[in-house]
PDB file of N, CA and C in Angstrom:
ATOM      1  N   UNK A   1      22.466  -5.431  16.249  1.00  0.00           N
ATOM      2  CA  UNK A   1      22.251  -5.873  17.609  1.00  0.00           C
ATOM      3  C   UNK A   1      23.405  -6.789  17.986  1.00  0.00           C
ATOM      4  N   UNK A   2      24.012  -6.501  19.101  1.00  0.00           N
ATOM      5  CA  UNK A   2      25.186  -7.260  19.507  1.00  0.00           C
ATOM      6  C   UNK A   2      24.838  -8.675  19.963  1.00  0.00           C
ATOM      7  N   UNK A   3      23.748  -8.808  20.718  1.00  0.00           N
ATOM      8  CA  UNK A   3      23.354 -10.132  21.220  1.00  0.00           C
ATOM      9  C   UNK A   3      22.035 -10.528  20.573  1.00  0.00           C
ATOM     10  N   UNK A   4      22.148 -11.196  19.440  1.00  0.00           N
ATOM     11  CA  UNK A   4      20.958 -11.554  18.667  1.00  0.00           C
ATOM     12  C   UNK A   4      20.075 -12.558  19.413  1.00  0.00           C
ATOM     13  N   UNK A   5      20.638 -13.309  20.313  1.00  0.00           N
ATOM     14  CA  UNK A   5      19.850 -14.290  21.052  1.00  0.00           C
ATOM     15  C   UNK A   5      18.841 -13.614  21.985  1.00  0.00           C
ATOM     16  N   UNK A   6      19.057 -12.338  22.328  1.00  0.00           N
ATOM     17  CA  UNK A   6      18.138 -11.610  23.204  1.00  0.00           C
ATOM     18  C   UNK A   6      17.001 -10.935  22.438  1.00  0.00           C
ATOM     19  N   UNK A   7      17.058 -10.958  21.120  1.00  0.00           N
ATOM     20  CA  UNK A   7      16.071 -10.241  20.327  1.00  0.00           C
ATOM     21  C   UNK A   7      14.651 -10.725  20.609  1.00  0.00           C
ATOM     22  N   UNK A   8      14.439 -12.033  20.618  1.00  0.00           N
ATOM     23  CA  UNK A   8      13.096 -12.573  20.825  1.00  0.00           C
ATOM     24  C   UNK A   8      12.557 -12.176  22.196  1.00  0.00           C
ATOM     25  N   UNK A   9      13.393 -12.225  23.221  1.00  0.00           N
ATOM     26  CA  UNK A   9      12.962 -11.831  24.563  1.00  0.00           C
ATOM     27  C   UNK A   9      12.576 -10.356  24.608  1.00  0.00           C
ATOM     28  N   UNK A  10      13.392  -9.527  23.996  1.00  0.00           N
ATOM     29  CA  UNK A  10      13.126  -8.086  23.996  1.00  0.00           C
ATOM     30  C   UNK A  10      11.856  -7.783  23.204  1.00  0.00           C
ATOM     31  N   UNK A  11      11.688  -8.440  22.061  1.00  0.00           N
ATOM     32  CA  UNK A  11      10.499  -8.242  21.248  1.00  0.00           C
ATOM     33  C   UNK A  11       9.243  -8.609  22.030  1.00  0.00           C
ATOM     34  N   UNK A  12       9.244  -9.750  22.682  1.00  0.00           N
ATOM     35  CA  UNK A  12       8.085 -10.182  23.470  1.00  0.00           C
ATOM     36  C   UNK A  12       7.827  -9.211  24.611  1.00  0.00           C
ATOM     37  N   UNK A  13       8.878  -8.746  25.272  1.00  0.00           N
ATOM     38  CA  UNK A  13       8.726  -7.791  26.369  1.00  0.00           C
ATOM     39  C   UNK A  13       8.125  -6.475  25.878  1.00  0.00           C
ATOM     40  N   UNK A  14       8.591  -5.987  24.756  1.00  0.00           N
ATOM     41  CA  UNK A  14       8.072  -4.721  24.211  1.00  0.00           C
ATOM     42  C   UNK A  14       6.613  -4.869  23.807  1.00  0.00           C
ATOM     43  N   UNK A  15       6.271  -5.947  23.116  1.00  0.00           N
ATOM     44  CA  UNK A  15       4.881  -6.159  22.690  1.00  0.00           C
ATOM     45  C   UNK A  15       3.975  -6.322  23.900  1.00  0.00           C
ATOM     46  N   UNK A  16       4.408  -7.077  24.894  1.00  0.00           N
ATOM     47  CA  UNK A  16       3.609  -7.252  26.110  1.00  0.00           C
ATOM     48  C   UNK A  16       3.440  -5.924  26.847  1.00  0.00           C
ATOM     49  N   UNK A  17       4.491  -5.134  26.911  1.00  0.00           N
ATOM     50  CA  UNK A  17       4.412  -3.829  27.591  1.00  0.00           C
ATOM     51  C   UNK A  17       3.449  -2.896  26.877  1.00  0.00           C
ATOM     52  N   UNK A  18       3.540  -2.846  25.552  1.00  0.00           N
ATOM     53  CA  UNK A  18       2.628  -1.987  24.797  1.00  0.00           C
ATOM     54  C   UNK A  18       1.175  -2.449  24.930  1.00  0.00           C
ATOM     55  N   UNK A  19       0.960  -3.752  24.902  1.00  0.00           N
ATOM     56  CA  UNK A  19      -0.392  -4.288  25.065  1.00  0.00           C
ATOM     57  C   UNK A  19      -0.946  -3.914  26.432  1.00  0.00           C
ATOM     58  N   UNK A  20      -0.135  -4.067  27.467  1.00  0.00           N
ATOM     59  CA  UNK A  20      -0.556  -3.699  28.818  1.00  0.00           C
ATOM     60  C   UNK A  20      -0.857  -2.207  28.900  1.00  0.00           C
ATOM     61  N   UNK A  21      -0.018  -1.375  28.282  1.00  0.00           N
ATOM     62  CA  UNK A  21      -0.248   0.068  28.277  1.00  0.00           C
ATOM     63  C   UNK A  21      -1.576   0.401  27.604  1.00  0.00           C
ATOM     64  N   UNK A  22      -1.861  -0.200  26.451  1.00  0.00           N
ATOM     65  CA  UNK A  22      -3.113   0.070  25.746  1.00  0.00           C
ATOM     66  C   UNK A  22      -4.319  -0.368  26.577  1.00  0.00           C
ATOM     67  N   UNK A  23      -4.216  -1.509  27.227  1.00  0.00           N
ATOM     68  CA  UNK A  23      -5.323  -1.981  28.054  1.00  0.00           C
ATOM     69  C   UNK A  23      -5.555  -1.034  29.225  1.00  0.00           C
ATOM     70  N   UNK A  24      -4.490  -0.633  29.902  1.00  0.00           N
ATOM     71  CA  UNK A  24      -4.628   0.283  31.034  1.00  0.00           C
ATOM     72  C   UNK A  24      -5.168   1.644  30.590  1.00  0.00           C
ATOM     73  N   UNK A  25      -4.700   2.138  29.459  1.00  0.00           N
ATOM     74  CA  UNK A  25      -5.198   3.415  28.949  1.00  0.00           C
ATOM     75  C   UNK A  25      -6.683   3.314  28.616  1.00  0.00           C
ATOM     76  N   UNK A  26      -7.086   2.227  27.994  1.00  0.00           N
ATOM     77  CA  UNK A  26      -8.503   2.037  27.657  1.00  0.00           C
ATOM     78  C   UNK A  26      -9.364   1.982  28.912  1.00  0.00           C
ATOM     79  N   UNK A  27      -8.882   1.277  29.921  1.00  0.00           N
ATOM     80  CA  UNK A  27      -9.627   1.219  31.185  1.00  0.00           C
ATOM     81  C   UNK A  27      -9.734   2.594  31.826  1.00  0.00           C
ATOM     82  N   UNK A  28      -8.676   3.377  31.754  1.00  0.00           N
ATOM     83  CA  UNK A  28      -8.696   4.725  32.301  1.00  0.00           C
ATOM     84  C   UNK A  28      -9.706   5.606  31.574  1.00  0.00           C
ATOM     85  N   UNK A  29      -9.757   5.510  30.246  1.00  0.00           N
ATOM     86  CA  UNK A  29     -10.705   6.307  29.464  1.00  0.00           C
ATOM     87  C   UNK A  29     -12.138   5.904  29.792  1.00  0.00           C
ATOM     88  N   UNK A  30     -12.403   4.611  29.865  1.00  0.00           N
ATOM     89  CA  UNK A  30     -13.751   4.144  30.197  1.00  0.00           C
ATOM     90  C   UNK A  30     -14.124   4.585  31.608  1.00  0.00           C
ATOM     91  N   UNK A  31     -13.185   4.539  32.518  1.00  0.00           N
ATOM     92  CA  UNK A  31     -13.445   4.979  33.894  1.00  0.00           C
ATOM     93  C   UNK A  31     -13.733   6.482  33.937  1.00  0.00           C
ATOM     94  N   UNK A  32     -13.005   7.260  33.153  1.00  0.00           N
ATOM     95  CA  UNK A  32     -13.168   8.715  33.172  1.00  0.00           C
ATOM     96  C   UNK A  32     -14.467   9.162  32.499  1.00  0.00           C
ATOM     97  N   UNK A  33     -14.853   8.527  31.397  1.00  0.00           N
ATOM     98  CA  UNK A  33     -16.006   8.994  30.628  1.00  0.00           C
ATOM     99  C   UNK A  33     -17.240   8.107  30.785  1.00  0.00           C
ATOM    100  N   UNK A  34     -17.093   6.921  31.352  1.00  0.00           N
ATOM    101  CA  UNK A  34     -18.229   6.038  31.593  1.00  0.00           C
ATOM    102  C   UNK A  34     -18.927   5.604  30.327  1.00  0.00           C
ATOM    103  N   UNK A  35     -20.276   5.649  30.358  1.00  0.00           N
ATOM    104  CA  UNK A  35     -21.077   5.204  29.219  1.00  0.00           C
ATOM    105  C   UNK A  35     -20.981   6.153  28.029  1.00  0.00           C
ATOM    106  N   UNK A  36     -20.467   7.357  28.240  1.00  0.00           N
ATOM    107  CA  UNK A  36     -20.359   8.337  27.173  1.00  0.00           C
ATOM    108  C   UNK A  36     -19.068   8.188  26.380  1.00  0.00           C
ATOM    109  N   UNK A  37     -18.291   7.138  26.660  1.00  0.00           N
ATOM    110  CA  UNK A  37     -17.030   6.923  25.954  1.00  0.00           C
ATOM    111  C   UNK A  37     -17.293   6.660  24.478  1.00  0.00           C
ATOM    112  N   UNK A  38     -16.606   7.434  23.635  1.00  0.00           N
ATOM    113  CA  UNK A  38     -16.744   7.246  22.193  1.00  0.00           C
ATOM    114  C   UNK A  38     -15.600   6.371  21.686  1.00  0.00           C
ATOM    115  N   UNK A  39     -15.785   5.790  20.506  1.00  0.00           N
ATOM    116  CA  UNK A  39     -14.820   4.850  19.958  1.00  0.00           C
ATOM    117  C   UNK A  39     -13.442   5.474  19.796  1.00  0.00           C
ATOM    118  N   UNK A  40     -13.391   6.672  19.216  1.00  0.00           N
ATOM    119  CA  UNK A  40     -12.119   7.359  19.044  1.00  0.00           C
ATOM    120  C   UNK A  40     -11.886   8.260  20.257  1.00  0.00           C
ATOM    121  N   UNK A  41     -10.759   8.074  20.920  1.00  0.00           N
ATOM    122  CA  UNK A  41     -10.491   8.784  22.167  1.00  0.00           C
ATOM    123  C   UNK A  41     -10.513  10.300  22.000  1.00  0.00           C
ATOM    124  N   UNK A  42     -10.110  10.822  20.837  1.00  0.00           N
ATOM    125  CA  UNK A  42     -10.090  12.267  20.628  1.00  0.00           C
ATOM    126  C   UNK A  42     -11.488  12.872  20.658  1.00  0.00           C
ATOM    127  N   UNK A  43     -12.505  12.091  20.340  1.00  0.00           N
ATOM    128  CA  UNK A  43     -13.871  12.604  20.354  1.00  0.00           C
ATOM    129  C   UNK A  43     -14.372  12.822  21.773  1.00  0.00           C
ATOM    130  N   UNK A  44     -13.707  12.245  22.761  1.00  0.00           N
ATOM    131  CA  UNK A  44     -14.090  12.435  24.151  1.00  0.00           C
ATOM    132  C   UNK A  44     -13.594  13.764  24.717  1.00  0.00           C
ATOM    133  N   UNK A  45     -12.646  14.388  24.036  1.00  0.00           N
ATOM    134  CA  UNK A  45     -12.106  15.656  24.522  1.00  0.00           C
ATOM    135  C   UNK A  45     -13.091  16.785  24.230  1.00  0.00           C
ATOM    136  N   UNK A  46     -13.197  17.740  25.141  1.00  0.00           N
ATOM    137  CA  UNK A  46     -14.134  18.855  24.899  1.00  0.00           C
ATOM    138  C   UNK A  46     -13.645  19.764  23.772  1.00  0.00           C
ATOM    139  N   UNK A  47     -14.580  20.216  22.945  1.00  0.00           N
ATOM    140  CA  UNK A  47     -14.249  21.093  21.819  1.00  0.00           C
ATOM    141  C   UNK A  47     -13.984  22.528  22.254  1.00  0.00           C
ATOM    142  N   UNK A  48     -14.566  22.909  23.371  1.00  0.00           N
ATOM    143  CA  UNK A  48     -14.453  24.301  23.781  1.00  0.00           C
ATOM    144  C   UNK A  48     -13.234  24.599  24.656  1.00  0.00           C
ATOM    145  N   UNK A  49     -12.428  23.582  24.943  1.00  0.00           N
ATOM    146  CA  UNK A  49     -11.244  23.834  25.771  1.00  0.00           C
ATOM    147  C   UNK A  49      -9.994  23.898  24.896  1.00  0.00           C
ATOM    148  N   UNK A  50      -9.020  24.643  25.344  1.00  0.00           N
ATOM    149  CA  UNK A  50      -7.767  24.786  24.611  1.00  0.00           C
ATOM    150  C   UNK A  50      -6.998  23.491  24.538  1.00  0.00           C
ATOM    151  N   UNK A  51      -7.017  22.726  25.616  1.00  0.00           N
ATOM    152  CA  UNK A  51      -6.253  21.479  25.648  1.00  0.00           C
ATOM    153  C   UNK A  51      -6.803  20.481  24.637  1.00  0.00           C
ATOM    154  N   UNK A  52      -8.115  20.482  24.433  1.00  0.00           N
ATOM    155  CA  UNK A  52      -8.712  19.588  23.436  1.00  0.00           C
ATOM    156  C   UNK A  52      -8.202  19.896  22.043  1.00  0.00           C
ATOM    157  N   UNK A  53      -8.139  21.175  21.698  1.00  0.00           N
ATOM    158  CA  UNK A  53      -7.635  21.583  20.386  1.00  0.00           C
ATOM    159  C   UNK A  53      -6.153  21.297  20.245  1.00  0.00           C
ATOM    160  N   UNK A  54      -5.393  21.537  21.306  1.00  0.00           N
ATOM    161  CA  UNK A  54      -3.940  21.289  21.251  1.00  0.00           C
ATOM    162  C   UNK A  54      -3.670  19.809  21.010  1.00  0.00           C
ATOM    163  N   UNK A  55      -4.380  18.941  21.728  1.00  0.00           N
ATOM    164  CA  UNK A  55      -4.180  17.494  21.564  1.00  0.00           C
ATOM    165  C   UNK A  55      -4.548  17.065  20.149  1.00  0.00           C
ATOM    166  N   UNK A  56      -5.638  17.609  19.618  1.00  0.00           N
ATOM    167  CA  UNK A  56      -6.048  17.243  18.255  1.00  0.00           C
ATOM    168  C   UNK A  56      -5.036  17.725  17.214  1.00  0.00           C
ATOM    169  N   UNK A  57      -4.489  18.909  17.405  1.00  0.00           N
ATOM    170  CA  UNK A  57      -3.477  19.428  16.476  1.00  0.00           C
ATOM    171  C   UNK A  57      -2.205  18.592  16.551  1.00  0.00           C
ATOM    172  N   UNK A  58      -1.791  18.227  17.756  1.00  0.00           N
ATOM    173  CA  UNK A  58      -0.602  17.379  17.922  1.00  0.00           C
ATOM    174  C   UNK A  58      -0.841  16.020  17.264  1.00  0.00           C
ATOM    175  N   UNK A  59      -2.021  15.466  17.425  1.00  0.00           N
ATOM    176  CA  UNK A  59      -2.348  14.180  16.823  1.00  0.00           C
ATOM    177  C   UNK A  59      -2.282  14.257  15.293  1.00  0.00           C
ATOM    178  N   UNK A  60      -2.851  15.306  14.716  1.00  0.00           N
ATOM    179  CA  UNK A  60      -2.807  15.472  13.252  1.00  0.00           C
ATOM    180  C   UNK A  60      -1.376  15.650  12.762  1.00  0.00           C
ATOM    181  N   UNK A  61      -0.582  16.422  13.509  1.00  0.00           N
ATOM    182  CA  UNK A  61       0.823  16.614  13.150  1.00  0.00           C
ATOM    183  C   UNK A  61       1.576  15.293  13.189  1.00  0.00           C
ATOM    184  N   UNK A  62       1.297  14.492  14.195  1.00  0.00           N
ATOM    185  CA  UNK A  62       1.938  13.182  14.318  1.00  0.00           C
ATOM    186  C   UNK A  62       1.570  12.292  13.141  1.00  0.00           C
ATOM    187  N   UNK A  63       0.311  12.320  12.721  1.00  0.00           N
ATOM    188  CA  UNK A  63      -0.104  11.512  11.568  1.00  0.00           C
ATOM    189  C   UNK A  63       0.633  11.933  10.301  1.00  0.00           C
ATOM    190  N   UNK A  64       0.740  13.241  10.095  1.00  0.00           N
ATOM    191  CA  UNK A  64       1.421  13.752   8.914  1.00  0.00           C
ATOM    192  C   UNK A  64       2.909  13.406   8.953  1.00  0.00           C
ATOM    193  N   UNK A  65       3.511  13.496  10.132  1.00  0.00           N
ATOM    194  CA  UNK A  65       4.951  13.255  10.256  1.00  0.00           C
ATOM    195  C   UNK A  65       5.308  11.777  10.114  1.00  0.00           C
ATOM    196  N   UNK A  66       4.419  10.876  10.520  1.00  0.00           N
ATOM    197  CA  UNK A  66       4.752   9.452  10.464  1.00  0.00           C
ATOM    198  C   UNK A  66       4.324   8.781   9.157  1.00  0.00           C
ATOM    199  N   UNK A  67       3.564   9.461   8.324  1.00  0.00           N
ATOM    200  CA  UNK A  67       3.128   8.872   7.061  1.00  0.00           C
ATOM    201  C   UNK A  67       4.314   8.429   6.191  1.00  0.00           C
ATOM    202  N   UNK A  68       5.331   9.282   5.992  1.00  0.00           N
ATOM    203  CA  UNK A  68       6.464   8.834   5.160  1.00  0.00           C
ATOM    204  C   UNK A  68       7.175   7.607   5.735  1.00  0.00           C
ATOM    205  N   UNK A  69       7.272   7.525   7.047  1.00  0.00           N
ATOM    206  CA  UNK A  69       7.929   6.372   7.679  1.00  0.00           C
ATOM    207  C   UNK A  69       7.104   5.112   7.444  1.00  0.00           C
ATOM    208  N   UNK A  70       5.794   5.260   7.479  1.00  0.00           N
ATOM    209  CA  UNK A  70       4.901   4.120   7.300  1.00  0.00           C
ATOM    210  C   UNK A  70       4.881   3.630   5.854  1.00  0.00           C
ATOM    211  N   UNK A  71       4.867   4.559   4.913  1.00  0.00           N
ATOM    212  CA  UNK A  71       4.689   4.180   3.508  1.00  0.00           C
ATOM    213  C   UNK A  71       6.013   3.785   2.838  1.00  0.00           C
ATOM    214  N   UNK A  72       7.141   4.176   3.399  1.00  0.00           N
ATOM    215  CA  UNK A  72       8.446   3.920   2.781  1.00  0.00           C
ATOM    216  C   UNK A  72       8.699   2.430   2.507  1.00  0.00           C
ATOM    217  N   UNK A  73       8.513   1.522   3.477  1.00  0.00           N
ATOM    218  CA  UNK A  73       8.752   0.093   3.177  1.00  0.00           C
ATOM    219  C   UNK A  73       7.822  -0.451   2.089  1.00  0.00           C
ATOM    220  N   UNK A  74       6.588   0.034   2.068  1.00  0.00           N
ATOM    221  CA  UNK A  74       5.646  -0.397   1.033  1.00  0.00           C
ATOM    222  C   UNK A  74       6.146   0.054  -0.333  1.00  0.00           C
ATOM    223  N   UNK A  75       6.580   1.315  -0.418  1.00  0.00           N
ATOM    224  CA  UNK A  75       7.101   1.828  -1.693  1.00  0.00           C
ATOM    225  C   UNK A  75       8.318   1.040  -2.156  1.00  0.00           C
ATOM    226  N   UNK A  76       9.237   0.742  -1.251  1.00  0.00           N
ATOM    227  CA  UNK A  76      10.431  -0.030  -1.628  1.00  0.00           C
ATOM    228  C   UNK A  76      10.049  -1.379  -2.213  1.00  0.00           C
ATOM    229  N   UNK A  77       9.142  -2.057  -1.545  1.00  0.00           N
ATOM    230  CA  UNK A  77       8.721  -3.377  -1.993  1.00  0.00           C
ATOM    231  C   UNK A  77       8.015  -3.313  -3.349  1.00  0.00           C
ATOM    232  N   UNK A  78       7.100  -2.373  -3.493  1.00  0.00           N
ATOM    233  CA  UNK A  78       6.348  -2.273  -4.740  1.00  0.00           C
ATOM    234  C   UNK A  78       7.222  -1.773  -5.888  1.00  0.00           C
ATOM    235  N   UNK A  79       8.135  -0.841  -5.614  1.00  0.00           N
ATOM    236  CA  UNK A  79       9.021  -0.355  -6.676  1.00  0.00           C
ATOM    237  C   UNK A  79       9.930  -1.473  -7.178  1.00  0.00           C
ATOM    238  N   UNK A  80      10.330  -2.348  -6.281  1.00  0.00           N
ATOM    239  CA  UNK A  80      11.165  -3.488  -6.697  1.00  0.00           C
ATOM    240  C   UNK A  80      10.378  -4.393  -7.638  1.00  0.00           C
ATOM    241  N   UNK A  81       9.096  -4.579  -7.349  1.00  0.00           N
ATOM    242  CA  UNK A  81       8.263  -5.426  -8.203  1.00  0.00           C
ATOM    243  C   UNK A  81       7.946  -4.754  -9.540  1.00  0.00           C
ATOM    244  N   UNK A  82       7.681  -3.446  -9.497  1.00  0.00           N
ATOM    245  CA  UNK A  82       7.275  -2.739 -10.707  1.00  0.00           C
ATOM    246  C   UNK A  82       8.464  -2.399 -11.601  1.00  0.00           C
ATOM    247  N   UNK A  83       9.522  -1.844 -10.997  1.00  0.00           N
ATOM    248  CA  UNK A  83      10.651  -1.325 -11.776  1.00  0.00           C
ATOM    249  C   UNK A  83      11.882  -2.231 -11.751  1.00  0.00           C
ATOM    250  N   UNK A  84      11.801  -3.349 -11.052  1.00  0.00           N
ATOM    251  CA  UNK A  84      12.934  -4.259 -10.969  1.00  0.00           C
ATOM    252  C   UNK A  84      13.855  -3.906  -9.803  1.00  0.00           C
ATOM    253  N   UNK A  85      14.788  -4.800  -9.480  1.00  0.00           N
ATOM    254  CA  UNK A  85      15.704  -4.554  -8.365  1.00  0.00           C
ATOM    255  C   UNK A  85      16.516  -3.277  -8.571  1.00  0.00           C
ATOM    256  N   UNK A  86      16.807  -2.599  -7.487  1.00  0.00           N
ATOM    257  CA  UNK A  86      17.525  -1.319  -7.552  1.00  0.00           C
ATOM    258  C   UNK A  86      18.913  -1.477  -8.168  1.00  0.00           C
ATOM    259  N   UNK A  87      19.543  -2.627  -7.933  1.00  0.00           N
ATOM    260  CA  UNK A  87      20.889  -2.860  -8.456  1.00  0.00           C
ATOM    261  C   UNK A  87      20.906  -2.880  -9.989  1.00  0.00           C
ATOM    262  N   UNK A  88      19.786  -3.286 -10.598  1.00  0.00           N
ATOM    263  CA  UNK A  88      19.725  -3.402 -12.053  1.00  0.00           C
ATOM    264  C   UNK A  88      19.249  -2.124 -12.740  1.00  0.00           C
ATOM    265  N   UNK A  89      18.767  -1.160 -11.955  1.00  0.00           N
ATOM    266  CA  UNK A  89      18.280   0.095 -12.538  1.00  0.00           C
ATOM    267  C   UNK A  89      19.437   1.042 -12.821  1.00  0.00           C
ATOM    268  N   UNK A  90      19.333   1.746 -13.914  1.00  0.00           N
ATOM    269  CA  UNK A  90      20.337   2.748 -14.258  1.00  0.00           C
ATOM    270  C   UNK A  90      20.022   4.035 -13.494  1.00  0.00           C
ATOM    271  N   UNK A  91      20.919   4.473 -12.586  1.00  0.00           N
ATOM    272  CA  UNK A  91      20.625   5.663 -11.788  1.00  0.00           C
ATOM    273  C   UNK A  91      20.511   6.943 -12.613  1.00  0.00           C
ATOM    274  N   UNK A  92      21.034   6.931 -13.845  1.00  0.00           N
ATOM    275  CA  UNK A  92      20.975   8.125 -14.693  1.00  0.00           C
ATOM    276  C   UNK A  92      19.776   8.118 -15.643  1.00  0.00           C
ATOM    277  N   UNK A  93      18.949   7.064 -15.577  1.00  0.00           N
ATOM    278  CA  UNK A  93      17.784   6.963 -16.454  1.00  0.00           C
ATOM    279  C   UNK A  93      16.683   7.882 -15.932  1.00  0.00           C
ATOM    280  N   UNK A  94      16.507   9.001 -16.578  1.00  0.00           N
ATOM    281  CA  UNK A  94      15.559  10.027 -16.135  1.00  0.00           C
ATOM    282  C   UNK A  94      14.113   9.547 -16.276  1.00  0.00           C
ATOM    283  N   UNK A  95      13.844   8.708 -17.283  1.00  0.00           N
ATOM    284  CA  UNK A  95      12.480   8.204 -17.498  1.00  0.00           C
ATOM    285  C   UNK A  95      12.036   7.352 -16.307  1.00  0.00           C
ATOM    286  N   UNK A  96      12.867   6.430 -15.883  1.00  0.00           N
ATOM    287  CA  UNK A  96      12.533   5.584 -14.733  1.00  0.00           C
ATOM    288  C   UNK A  96      12.411   6.430 -13.477  1.00  0.00           C
ATOM    289  N   UNK A  97      13.283   7.403 -13.339  1.00  0.00           N
ATOM    290  CA  UNK A  97      13.243   8.291 -12.174  1.00  0.00           C
ATOM    291  C   UNK A  97      11.882   8.974 -12.068  1.00  0.00           C
ATOM    292  N   UNK A  98      11.371   9.517 -13.151  1.00  0.00           N
ATOM    293  CA  UNK A  98      10.093  10.211 -13.125  1.00  0.00           C
ATOM    294  C   UNK A  98       8.913   9.245 -13.048  1.00  0.00           C
ATOM    295  N   UNK A  99       9.076   8.034 -13.584  1.00  0.00           N
ATOM    296  CA  UNK A  99       8.028   7.027 -13.421  1.00  0.00           C
ATOM    297  C   UNK A  99       7.884   6.643 -11.949  1.00  0.00           C
ATOM    298  N   UNK A 100       9.017   6.517 -11.264  1.00  0.00           N
ATOM    299  CA  UNK A 100       8.974   6.197  -9.832  1.00  0.00           C
ATOM    300  C   UNK A 100       8.353   7.348  -9.049  1.00  0.00           C
ATOM    301  N   UNK A 101       8.695   8.587  -9.399  1.00  0.00           N
ATOM    302  CA  UNK A 101       8.075   9.735  -8.735  1.00  0.00           C
ATOM    303  C   UNK A 101       6.567   9.764  -8.986  1.00  0.00           C
ATOM    304  N   UNK A 102       6.164   9.447 -10.205  1.00  0.00           N
ATOM    305  CA  UNK A 102       4.746   9.376 -10.522  1.00  0.00           C
ATOM    306  C   UNK A 102       4.047   8.285  -9.725  1.00  0.00           C
ATOM    307  N   UNK A 103       4.705   7.135  -9.597  1.00  0.00           N
ATOM    308  CA  UNK A 103       4.142   6.040  -8.800  1.00  0.00           C
ATOM    309  C   UNK A 103       3.957   6.475  -7.349  1.00  0.00           C
ATOM    310  N   UNK A 104       4.961   7.135  -6.781  1.00  0.00           N
ATOM    311  CA  UNK A 104       4.874   7.594  -5.388  1.00  0.00           C
ATOM    312  C   UNK A 104       3.745   8.604  -5.216  1.00  0.00           C
ATOM    313  N   UNK A 105       3.606   9.515  -6.167  1.00  0.00           N
ATOM    314  CA  UNK A 105       2.517  10.493  -6.110  1.00  0.00           C
ATOM    315  C   UNK A 105       1.165   9.788  -6.208  1.00  0.00           C
ATOM    316  N   UNK A 106       1.080   8.760  -7.047  1.00  0.00           N
ATOM    317  CA  UNK A 106      -0.152   7.990  -7.175  1.00  0.00           C
ATOM    318  C   UNK A 106      -0.510   7.288  -5.865  1.00  0.00           C
ATOM    319  N   UNK A 107       0.483   6.725  -5.199  1.00  0.00           N
ATOM    320  CA  UNK A 107       0.243   6.070  -3.907  1.00  0.00           C
ATOM    321  C   UNK A 107      -0.308   7.076  -2.889  1.00  0.00           C
ATOM    322  N   UNK A 108       0.286   8.257  -2.840  1.00  0.00           N
ATOM    323  CA  UNK A 108      -0.194   9.295  -1.926  1.00  0.00           C
ATOM    324  C   UNK A 108      -1.610   9.704  -2.288  1.00  0.00           C
ATOM    325  N   UNK A 109      -1.889   9.888  -3.579  1.00  0.00           N
ATOM    326  CA  UNK A 109      -3.232  10.283  -4.022  1.00  0.00           C
ATOM    327  C   UNK A 109      -4.263   9.214  -3.664  1.00  0.00           C
ATOM    328  N   UNK A 110      -3.918   7.954  -3.877  1.00  0.00           N
ATOM    329  CA  UNK A 110      -4.842   6.862  -3.530  1.00  0.00           C
ATOM    330  C   UNK A 110      -5.088   6.829  -2.032  1.00  0.00           C
ATOM    331  N   UNK A 111      -4.046   7.038  -1.256  1.00  0.00           N
ATOM    332  CA  UNK A 111      -4.199   7.066   0.198  1.00  0.00           C
ATOM    333  C   UNK A 111      -5.126   8.201   0.629  1.00  0.00           C
ATOM    334  N   UNK A 112      -4.965   9.371   0.025  1.00  0.00           N
ATOM    335  CA  UNK A 112      -5.825  10.509   0.353  1.00  0.00           C
ATOM    336  C   UNK A 112      -7.272  10.209  -0.017  1.00  0.00           C
ATOM    337  N   UNK A 113      -7.489   9.646  -1.201  1.00  0.00           N
ATOM    338  CA  UNK A 113      -8.846   9.322  -1.644  1.00  0.00           C
ATOM    339  C   UNK A 113      -9.495   8.315  -0.705  1.00  0.00           C
ATOM    340  N   UNK A 114      -8.760   7.292  -0.321  1.00  0.00           N
ATOM    341  CA  UNK A 114      -9.304   6.285   0.602  1.00  0.00           C
ATOM    342  C   UNK A 114      -9.627   6.903   1.947  1.00  0.00           C
ATOM    343  N   UNK A 115      -8.719   7.746   2.468  1.00  0.00           N
ATOM    344  CA  UNK A 115      -8.964   8.346   3.783  1.00  0.00           C
ATOM    345  C   UNK A 115     -10.157   9.291   3.745  1.00  0.00           C
ATOM    346  N   UNK A 116     -10.353  10.016   2.637  1.00  0.00           N
ATOM    347  CA  UNK A 116     -11.515  10.897   2.535  1.00  0.00           C
ATOM    348  C   UNK A 116     -12.804  10.087   2.375  1.00  0.00           C
ATOM    349  N   UNK A 117     -12.730   8.984   1.650  1.00  0.00           N
ATOM    350  CA  UNK A 117     -13.923   8.148   1.450  1.00  0.00           C
ATOM    351  C   UNK A 117     -14.343   7.442   2.733  1.00  0.00           C
ATOM    352  N   UNK A 118     -13.387   7.132   3.584  1.00  0.00           N
ATOM    353  CA  UNK A 118     -13.678   6.376   4.812  1.00  0.00           C
ATOM    354  C   UNK A 118     -13.583   7.231   6.066  1.00  0.00           C
ATOM    355  N   UNK A 119     -13.695   8.555   5.941  1.00  0.00           N
ATOM    356  CA  UNK A 119     -13.478   9.444   7.087  1.00  0.00           C
ATOM    357  C   UNK A 119     -14.507   9.241   8.195  1.00  0.00           C
ATOM    358  N   UNK A 120     -15.689   8.774   7.869  1.00  0.00           N
ATOM    359  CA  UNK A 120     -16.688   8.537   8.899  1.00  0.00           C
ATOM    360  C   UNK A 120     -16.695   7.086   9.200  1.00  0.00           C
TER     361      UNK A 120
END
């Protein structure tokens, strides 16, 4: 960022804008569905219409596509704690390489188990 002094202003503006958007969207959903509004917005869409299915498929695709972006910082932090700093690791050490792959697979498996256990 060229002007670091503007970062705080931009951050506050973005957070305020997103908060306002979420509030307005929530009000719109409540206005459209009234007392029948369900907690998850996707449940308000009709099952028998094509647009309802398209929106649900797009939503699932978005979840799958953003999972690696979401979990990457967590993996970096935890791998540093478990396997030590990256600078000190030998890049040719095949054992550590596969241990890290196993750790990543374990994280994905735990995430899947938690999501299936808490699906309702």
